[in-house]
Protein backbone atom coordinates (compact mmCIF):
# COMPACT_ATOMS: atom_id res chain seq x y z
CA MET A 1 54.64 43.95 8.89
CA PHE A 2 55.73 41.52 6.36
CA LYS A 3 55.50 38.49 8.81
CA GLN A 4 51.78 39.53 9.45
CA GLN A 5 51.06 39.45 6.07
CA LYS A 6 52.51 36.02 5.30
CA THR A 7 50.41 34.82 8.03
CA LEU A 8 47.31 36.52 6.97
CA ASP A 9 47.96 35.03 3.45
CA ARG A 10 48.41 31.44 4.77
CA LEU A 11 45.21 31.61 6.75
CA GLU A 12 43.33 32.87 3.43
CA ASP A 13 44.46 30.02 1.63
CA ARG A 14 43.46 27.55 4.49
CA LEU A 15 40.32 29.16 4.65
CA ARG A 16 39.85 28.67 0.75
CA ARG A 17 40.97 25.22 1.06
CA VAL A 18 38.25 24.57 3.88
CA GLU A 19 35.37 26.29 1.85
CA ASN A 20 36.40 24.18 -1.30
CA LEU A 21 36.28 21.02 0.89
CA CYS A 22 32.80 21.83 2.41
CA ALA A 23 31.43 22.77 -1.14
CA ASP A 24 32.73 19.41 -2.47
CA ARG A 25 31.17 17.40 0.54
CA GLU A 26 27.77 19.21 -0.02
CA ARG A 27 27.88 18.32 -3.76
CA GLU A 28 28.62 14.64 -2.96
CA HIS A 29 25.97 14.67 -0.29
CA ARG A 30 23.34 15.85 -2.71
CA LYS A 31 24.51 13.49 -5.50
CA LEU A 32 24.39 10.54 -3.04
CA ASP A 33 20.94 11.48 -1.68
CA GLY A 34 19.82 11.72 -5.32
CA GLU A 35 21.18 8.29 -5.98
CA PHE A 36 19.47 7.11 -2.80
CA THR A 37 16.08 8.58 -3.73
CA ASP A 38 16.19 6.73 -7.20
CA LEU A 39 17.18 3.43 -5.74
CA TYR A 40 14.65 3.44 -3.06
CA ASP A 41 12.02 4.39 -5.57
CA LYS A 42 13.05 1.72 -7.99
CA VAL A 43 12.95 -0.84 -5.10
CA ARG A 44 9.69 0.34 -3.61
CA ARG A 45 7.97 -0.17 -7.36
CA GLN A 46 9.59 -3.39 -7.94
CA MET A 47 8.59 -4.68 -4.57
CA SER A 48 4.95 -3.38 -5.11
CA ARG A 49 4.90 -5.18 -8.63
CA MET A 50 6.02 -8.43 -6.85
CA ALA A 51 3.43 -8.14 -4.22
CA LYS A 52 0.63 -7.53 -6.97
CA ARG A 53 1.85 -10.68 -8.82
CA TYR A 54 2.04 -12.93 -5.87
CA ALA A 55 -1.71 -11.73 -4.88
CA VAL A 56 -2.79 -12.80 -8.34
CA ASP A 57 -0.90 -16.17 -8.20
CA GLN A 58 -2.56 -16.70 -4.87
CA LYS A 59 -6.01 -15.67 -6.25
CA GLU A 60 -5.66 -18.02 -9.27
CA ASN A 61 -4.56 -20.82 -7.19
CA GLY A 62 -7.62 -20.42 -4.95
CA GLU A 63 -5.57 -19.71 -1.77
CA PHE A 64 -6.04 -16.04 -1.71
CA LEU A 65 -5.12 -14.56 1.75
CA GLU A 66 -6.01 -10.72 2.60
CA PRO A 67 -2.59 -9.12 3.23
CA THR A 68 -2.25 -8.04 6.83
CA PRO A 69 -1.82 -4.28 7.00
CA ASP A 70 1.75 -2.98 8.38
CA ASN A 71 -0.03 -0.73 10.88
CA SER A 72 -2.21 -3.42 12.66
CA SER A 73 -3.25 -2.19 16.03
CA SER A 74 -1.73 -4.20 19.00
CA ASP A 75 -5.20 -4.79 20.27
CA SER A 76 -5.57 -7.62 17.72
CA SER A 77 -2.62 -9.63 19.25
CA ASP A 78 -2.38 -13.24 19.78
CA PRO A 79 -3.44 -14.77 23.05
CA ILE A 80 0.46 -15.59 23.81
CA SER A 81 1.61 -12.02 23.47
CA GLU A 82 -1.15 -10.85 25.38
CA ALA A 83 -0.19 -13.03 28.17
CA ILE A 84 3.23 -12.11 28.17
CA HIS A 85 2.39 -8.52 28.35
CA ALA A 86 0.08 -9.19 31.21
CA ARG A 87 2.82 -10.92 33.12
CA ARG A 88 5.36 -8.05 32.34
CA ASN A 89 2.90 -5.36 33.38
CA ARG A 90 2.16 -7.30 36.73
CA GLY A 91 6.01 -7.49 37.53
CA PHE A 92 6.18 -3.58 37.06
CA LEU A 93 3.19 -2.85 39.30
CA THR A 94 4.47 -4.78 42.07
CA GLN A 95 7.97 -2.97 42.11
């Protein structure tokens, strides 16, 4: 009977340690996630400021170029890329 109780006590201790480790990891994860979010916001804000300054400088110098959006469609690709895509598509159709 005492042998079983010692075994149960050891298992309880191990379970408590695992629960504490899991709770520590969750706290660390939340902390790191918050730090990442803060850093991302700061970098995004700084990059936005730099892009605006660049646009103002280009406009003042008379070299204003409209920035291209990141989500441009593939329909407006250059002729070389279109030729490469067409050649690749022909290769797939012959197989």
